[in-house]
Amino acid sequence: MATQAKIRMMPSGRQGGGAAMVTVAPQKTSATFEVGDPVKLSAGTLVAASTTASLGTSSNLTAPAAASANLILGISGIDAASGNTTSTVVHRMAPGARFIGNLVHGTASSAKATAANLGSVVYIAKQTASDVAYGFTLDTAGSFGATFINGRITQLIDAASTVNGRVEVEFTGGGTYLGTI
């Protein structure tokens, strides 16, 4: 069984909208987000989205908190620099925006997509114990639901059934530009 090394979430080459898909805003001096992390505005500056842990079937997933879902602008394009208020690039989660990330699951060996998963709803998440980067999960049990940022799988990047395989996802719910969940 093949296993894909994990990557940071990134915009797909098929974004549409061009420059309109990017926002630039100052980061908060105490910001801690990294490339590929969901970010939101707080008092006019970018900060990491607050998270909720212990989600999913195995309770091993962390996701952006449902209370933050409609505040999230998108995915950070650079790491926050402690003590700075520099402008930061954010890849917007706007209608039609597509992103690539690994498929994740509370049980690593279950993080596999197949052709049957094309069109399936996924949620932004990371495995609590081992992941530093966010990806997408098919795990919809427990606390996941319509109040979390979600999208649909549009393409398998890696071969079907690859553990932590990369998928392309088009966001459909959550985030400032996507509207109410």
C-alpha atoms as a PDB file:
ATOM      1  CA  MET A   1       0.000   0.000   0.000  1.00  0.00           C
ATOM      2  CA  ALA A   2       1.482   3.352  -1.087  1.00  0.00           C
ATOM      3  CA  THR A   3       1.742   6.258   1.364  1.00  0.00           C
ATOM      4  CA  GLN A   4       2.039   9.898   0.276  1.00  0.00           C
ATOM      5  CA  ALA A   5       4.230  12.275   2.278  1.00  0.00           C
ATOM      6  CA  LYS A   6       2.115  15.062   3.752  1.00  0.00           C
ATOM      7  CA  ILE A   7       2.149  18.512   2.193  1.00  0.00           C
ATOM      8  CA  ARG A   8       0.790  21.875   3.297  1.00  0.00           C
ATOM      9  CA  MET A   9      -2.564  22.802   1.795  1.00  0.00           C
ATOM     10  CA  MET A  10      -2.088  24.913  -1.347  1.00  0.00           C
ATOM     11  CA  PRO A  11      -4.200  26.469  -4.086  1.00  0.00           C
ATOM     12  CA  SER A  12      -4.820  24.342  -7.140  1.00  0.00           C
ATOM     13  CA  GLY A  13      -3.669  25.490 -10.547  1.00  0.00           C
ATOM     14  CA  ARG A  14      -7.335  25.641 -11.577  1.00  0.00           C
ATOM     15  CA  GLN A  15      -8.469  28.616  -9.499  1.00  0.00           C
ATOM     16  CA  GLY A  16     -10.217  30.861 -11.966  1.00  0.00           C
ATOM     17  CA  GLY A  17     -10.692  34.455 -10.894  1.00  0.00           C
ATOM     18  CA  GLY A  18      -6.923  35.181 -11.008  1.00  0.00           C
ATOM     19  CA  ALA A  19      -5.760  37.935  -8.664  1.00  0.00           C
ATOM     20  CA  ALA A  20      -9.253  38.150  -7.154  1.00  0.00           C
ATOM     21  CA  MET A  21      -8.483  34.843  -5.448  1.00  0.00           C
ATOM     22  CA  VAL A  22      -5.790  36.451  -3.269  1.00  0.00           C
ATOM     23  CA  THR A  23      -6.151  38.908  -0.376  1.00  0.00           C
ATOM     24  CA  VAL A  24      -3.328  40.739   1.369  1.00  0.00           C
ATOM     25  CA  ALA A  25      -3.743  41.856   4.996  1.00  0.00           C
ATOM     26  CA  PRO A  26      -1.430  42.626   7.936  1.00  0.00           C
ATOM     27  CA  GLN A  27      -0.770  39.845  10.437  1.00  0.00           C
ATOM     28  CA  LYS A  28      -1.167  40.280  14.183  1.00  0.00           C
ATOM     29  CA  THR A  29       2.207  40.622  15.954  1.00  0.00           C
ATOM     30  CA  SER A  30       1.505  37.472  17.974  1.00  0.00           C
ATOM     31  CA  ALA A  31       0.185  35.428  15.015  1.00  0.00           C
ATOM     32  CA  THR A  32       1.295  31.788  14.889  1.00  0.00           C
ATOM     33  CA  PHE A  33      -0.119  30.447  11.614  1.00  0.00           C
ATOM     34  CA  GLU A  34       1.945  28.687   8.956  1.00  0.00           C
ATOM     35  CA  VAL A  35       1.647  28.247   5.204  1.00  0.00           C
ATOM     36  CA  GLY A  36      -1.512  26.253   4.471  1.00  0.00           C
ATOM     37  CA  ASP A  37      -3.303  27.134   7.740  1.00  0.00           C
ATOM     38  CA  PRO A  38      -6.808  28.635   7.745  1.00  0.00           C
ATOM     39  CA  VAL A  39      -6.676  32.302   8.825  1.00  0.00           C
ATOM     40  CA  LYS A  40      -9.257  34.901   9.831  1.00  0.00           C
ATOM     41  CA  LEU A  41      -9.367  38.618  10.540  1.00  0.00           C
ATOM     42  CA  SER A  42      -9.448  39.762  14.151  1.00  0.00           C
ATOM     43  CA  ALA A  43      -9.551  43.515  14.788  1.00  0.00           C
ATOM     44  CA  GLY A  44      -8.251  44.113  11.262  1.00  0.00           C
ATOM     45  CA  THR A  45      -5.261  41.725  11.456  1.00  0.00           C
ATOM     46  CA  LEU A  46      -4.766  38.119  10.411  1.00  0.00           C
ATOM     47  CA  VAL A  47      -4.647  35.374  13.045  1.00  0.00           C
ATOM     48  CA  ALA A  48      -4.862  31.597  12.991  1.00  0.00           C
ATOM     49  CA  ALA A  49      -8.400  30.246  13.050  1.00  0.00           C
ATOM     50  CA  SER A  50      -9.405  28.892  16.443  1.00  0.00           C
ATOM     51  CA  THR A  51      -9.712  25.112  16.501  1.00  0.00           C
ATOM     52  CA  THR A  52     -11.820  22.354  17.977  1.00  0.00           C
ATOM     53  CA  ALA A  53     -10.126  19.046  18.815  1.00  0.00           C
ATOM     54  CA  SER A  54     -11.392  15.527  19.495  1.00  0.00           C
ATOM     55  CA  LEU A  55     -13.550  15.291  16.394  1.00  0.00           C
ATOM     56  CA  GLY A  56     -14.452  12.438  14.125  1.00  0.00           C
ATOM     57  CA  THR A  57     -15.040   8.743  14.577  1.00  0.00           C
ATOM     58  CA  SER A  58     -11.803   8.111  16.439  1.00  0.00           C
ATOM     59  CA  SER A  59     -11.748  11.551  18.143  1.00  0.00           C
ATOM     60  CA  ASN A  60      -8.260  12.144  16.743  1.00  0.00           C
ATOM     61  CA  LEU A  61      -8.999  15.094  14.457  1.00  0.00           C
ATOM     62  CA  THR A  62      -8.673  18.857  14.937  1.00  0.00           C
ATOM     63  CA  ALA A  63     -10.572  21.309  12.721  1.00  0.00           C
ATOM     64  CA  PRO A  64     -11.129  25.056  12.529  1.00  0.00           C
ATOM     65  CA  ALA A  65     -13.813  25.785  15.139  1.00  0.00           C
ATOM     66  CA  ALA A  66     -17.375  25.999  13.894  1.00  0.00           C
ATOM     67  CA  ALA A  67     -17.675  29.400  15.598  1.00  0.00           C
ATOM     68  CA  SER A  68     -14.826  30.694  13.384  1.00  0.00           C
ATOM     69  CA  ALA A  69     -16.037  29.119  10.144  1.00  0.00           C
ATOM     70  CA  ASN A  70     -17.734  32.201   8.694  1.00  0.00           C
ATOM     71  CA  LEU A  71     -14.806  34.443   9.712  1.00  0.00           C
ATOM     72  CA  ILE A  72     -12.109  32.538   7.841  1.00  0.00           C
ATOM     73  CA  LEU A  73     -10.769  34.406   4.810  1.00  0.00           C
ATOM     74  CA  GLY A  74      -8.766  31.548   3.377  1.00  0.00           C
ATOM     75  CA  ILE A  75      -5.478  29.703   3.555  1.00  0.00           C
ATOM     76  CA  SER A  76      -2.234  31.482   4.467  1.00  0.00           C
ATOM     77  CA  GLY A  77       0.324  31.761   1.702  1.00  0.00           C
ATOM     78  CA  ILE A  78       3.256  32.437   4.087  1.00  0.00           C
ATOM     79  CA  ASP A  79       4.313  31.721   7.662  1.00  0.00           C
ATOM     80  CA  ALA A  80       3.524  34.354  10.290  1.00  0.00           C
ATOM     81  CA  ALA A  81       6.625  36.145  11.564  1.00  0.00           C
ATOM     82  CA  SER A  82       6.546  36.712  15.320  1.00  0.00           C
ATOM     83  CA  GLY A  83       6.647  40.367  16.298  1.00  0.00           C
ATOM     84  CA  ASN A  84       5.884  41.605  12.769  1.00  0.00           C
ATOM     85  CA  THR A  85       2.791  43.186  11.273  1.00  0.00           C
ATOM     86  CA  THR A  86       3.851  42.538   7.699  1.00  0.00           C
ATOM     87  CA  SER A  87       1.315  42.043   4.947  1.00  0.00           C
ATOM     88  CA  THR A  88       0.438  38.420   4.450  1.00  0.00           C
ATOM     89  CA  VAL A  89      -0.934  36.723   1.343  1.00  0.00           C
ATOM     90  CA  VAL A  90      -4.131  34.744   1.850  1.00  0.00           C
ATOM     91  CA  HIS A  91      -5.521  32.418  -0.819  1.00  0.00           C
ATOM     92  CA  ARG A  92      -9.237  33.107  -0.541  1.00  0.00           C
ATOM     93  CA  MET A  93     -11.822  30.420  -0.007  1.00  0.00           C
ATOM     94  CA  ALA A  94     -14.167  31.933  -2.569  1.00  0.00           C
ATOM     95  CA  PRO A  95     -16.771  30.190  -4.710  1.00  0.00           C
ATOM     96  CA  GLY A  96     -14.903  28.059  -7.224  1.00  0.00           C
ATOM     97  CA  ALA A  97     -11.628  28.115  -5.276  1.00  0.00           C
ATOM     98  CA  ARG A  98      -9.874  24.762  -5.397  1.00  0.00           C
ATOM     99  CA  PHE A  99      -7.138  23.602  -3.059  1.00  0.00           C
ATOM    100  CA  ILE A 100      -4.890  20.554  -2.872  1.00  0.00           C
ATOM    101  CA  GLY A 101      -4.152  18.791   0.400  1.00  0.00           C
ATOM    102  CA  ASN A 102      -3.689  15.350   1.865  1.00  0.00           C
ATOM    103  CA  LEU A 103      -6.585  13.189   2.865  1.00  0.00           C
ATOM    104  CA  VAL A 104      -6.440  12.715   6.651  1.00  0.00           C
ATOM    105  CA  HIS A 105      -8.280  10.502   9.115  1.00  0.00           C
ATOM    106  CA  GLY A 106      -8.119   9.871  12.851  1.00  0.00           C
ATOM    107  CA  THR A 107      -6.660   6.465  12.002  1.00  0.00           C
ATOM    108  CA  ALA A 108      -3.858   7.102   9.502  1.00  0.00           C
ATOM    109  CA  SER A 109      -4.344   3.853   7.547  1.00  0.00           C
ATOM    110  CA  SER A 110      -7.968   4.888   6.848  1.00  0.00           C
ATOM    111  CA  ALA A 111      -6.930   8.115   5.063  1.00  0.00           C
ATOM    112  CA  LYS A 112      -7.533   6.719   1.580  1.00  0.00           C
ATOM    113  CA  ALA A 113      -9.708   8.054  -1.228  1.00  0.00           C
ATOM    114  CA  THR A 114     -11.057   6.075  -4.155  1.00  0.00           C
ATOM    115  CA  ALA A 115     -12.752   7.063  -7.398  1.00  0.00           C
ATOM    116  CA  ALA A 116     -16.066   6.525  -5.581  1.00  0.00           C
ATOM    117  CA  ASN A 117     -15.148   9.487  -3.332  1.00  0.00           C
ATOM    118  CA  LEU A 118     -15.169  11.995  -6.215  1.00  0.00           C
ATOM    119  CA  GLY A 119     -17.876  14.516  -5.330  1.00  0.00           C
ATOM    120  CA  SER A 120     -17.883  13.485  -1.663  1.00  0.00           C
ATOM    121  CA  VAL A 121     -18.033  16.120   1.070  1.00  0.00           C
ATOM    122  CA  VAL A 122     -14.795  16.647   3.013  1.00  0.00           C
ATOM    123  CA  TYR A 123     -13.858  18.915   5.903  1.00  0.00           C
ATOM    124  CA  ILE A 124     -10.627  20.811   6.693  1.00  0.00           C
ATOM    125  CA  ALA A 125      -8.887  18.921   9.498  1.00  0.00           C
ATOM    126  CA  LYS A 126      -5.609  17.504  10.731  1.00  0.00           C
ATOM    127  CA  GLN A 127      -4.770  14.485  12.838  1.00  0.00           C
ATOM    128  CA  THR A 128      -4.381  15.802  16.373  1.00  0.00           C
ATOM    129  CA  ALA A 129      -1.433  13.644  17.407  1.00  0.00           C
ATOM    130  CA  SER A 130       0.791  13.708  14.336  1.00  0.00           C
ATOM    131  CA  ASP A 131      -0.116  16.366  11.754  1.00  0.00           C
ATOM    132  CA  VAL A 132       1.336  19.849  11.567  1.00  0.00           C
ATOM    133  CA  ALA A 133      -0.482  20.687   8.330  1.00  0.00           C
ATOM    134  CA  TYR A 134      -4.180  20.759   7.550  1.00  0.00           C
ATOM    135  CA  GLY A 135      -5.704  18.493   4.934  1.00  0.00           C
ATOM    136  CA  PHE A 136      -9.167  17.135   4.214  1.00  0.00           C
ATOM    137  CA  THR A 137     -11.130  14.387   5.911  1.00  0.00           C
ATOM    138  CA  LEU A 138     -14.007  12.222   4.711  1.00  0.00           C
ATOM    139  CA  ASP A 139     -14.797  11.466   8.354  1.00  0.00           C
ATOM    140  CA  THR A 140     -18.249  12.953   8.917  1.00  0.00           C
ATOM    141  CA  ALA A 141     -19.201  11.221  12.140  1.00  0.00           C
ATOM    142  CA  GLY A 142     -19.395  12.801  15.575  1.00  0.00           C
ATOM    143  CA  SER A 143     -19.001  16.558  15.723  1.00  0.00           C
ATOM    144  CA  PHE A 144     -18.456  17.232  12.025  1.00  0.00           C
ATOM    145  CA  GLY A 145     -21.416  18.728  10.290  1.00  0.00           C
ATOM    146  CA  ALA A 146     -22.631  21.618   8.210  1.00  0.00           C
ATOM    147  CA  THR A 147     -21.108  24.152  10.604  1.00  0.00           C
ATOM    148  CA  PHE A 148     -17.537  23.190   9.685  1.00  0.00           C
ATOM    149  CA  ILE A 149     -15.697  24.341   6.556  1.00  0.00           C
ATOM    150  CA  ASN A 150     -16.423  21.863   3.824  1.00  0.00           C
ATOM    151  CA  GLY A 151     -15.960  21.177   0.167  1.00  0.00           C
ATOM    152  CA  ARG A 152     -16.215  18.438  -2.406  1.00  0.00           C
ATOM    153  CA  ILE A 153     -13.459  16.270  -3.851  1.00  0.00           C
ATOM    154  CA  THR A 154     -13.010  17.212  -7.507  1.00  0.00           C
ATOM    155  CA  GLN A 155      -9.922  15.144  -8.320  1.00  0.00           C
ATOM    156  CA  LEU A 156      -7.621  12.481  -6.903  1.00  0.00           C
ATOM    157  CA  ILE A 157      -4.039  13.666  -7.357  1.00  0.00           C
ATOM    158  CA  ASP A 158      -2.446  10.390  -6.225  1.00  0.00           C
ATOM    159  CA  ALA A 159      -3.474   6.852  -7.158  1.00  0.00           C
ATOM    160  CA  ALA A 160      -6.702   5.648  -5.566  1.00  0.00           C
ATOM    161  CA  SER A 161      -6.279   4.092  -2.097  1.00  0.00           C
ATOM    162  CA  THR A 162      -2.959   5.879  -1.435  1.00  0.00           C
ATOM    163  CA  VAL A 163      -2.691   6.499   2.310  1.00  0.00           C
ATOM    164  CA  ASN A 164      -2.675  10.291   2.866  1.00  0.00           C
ATOM    165  CA  GLY A 165      -3.241  10.683  -0.859  1.00  0.00           C
ATOM    166  CA  ARG A 166      -3.525  14.214  -2.186  1.00  0.00           C
ATOM    167  CA  VAL A 167      -6.932  15.380  -3.359  1.00  0.00           C
ATOM    168  CA  GLU A 168      -8.214  18.541  -5.014  1.00  0.00           C
ATOM    169  CA  VAL A 169     -11.182  20.088  -3.210  1.00  0.00           C
ATOM    170  CA  GLU A 170     -13.548  22.881  -4.183  1.00  0.00           C
ATOM    171  CA  PHE A 171     -14.853  24.661  -1.083  1.00  0.00           C
ATOM    172  CA  THR A 172     -18.637  24.850  -0.836  1.00  0.00           C
ATOM    173  CA  GLY A 173     -19.392  25.996   2.718  1.00  0.00           C
ATOM    174  CA  GLY A 174     -17.768  28.225   5.328  1.00  0.00           C
ATOM    175  CA  GLY A 175     -15.471  31.193   5.175  1.00  0.00           C
ATOM    176  CA  THR A 176     -16.135  34.888   4.690  1.00  0.00           C
ATOM    177  CA  TYR A 177     -16.391  34.680   0.902  1.00  0.00           C
ATOM    178  CA  LEU A 178     -18.492  31.509   0.811  1.00  0.00           C
ATOM    179  CA  GLY A 179     -21.277  32.841   2.999  1.00  0.00           C
ATOM    180  CA  THR A 180     -23.319  31.286   5.744  1.00  0.00           C
ATOM    181  CA  ILE A 181     -22.923  27.584   6.282  1.00  0.00           C
END
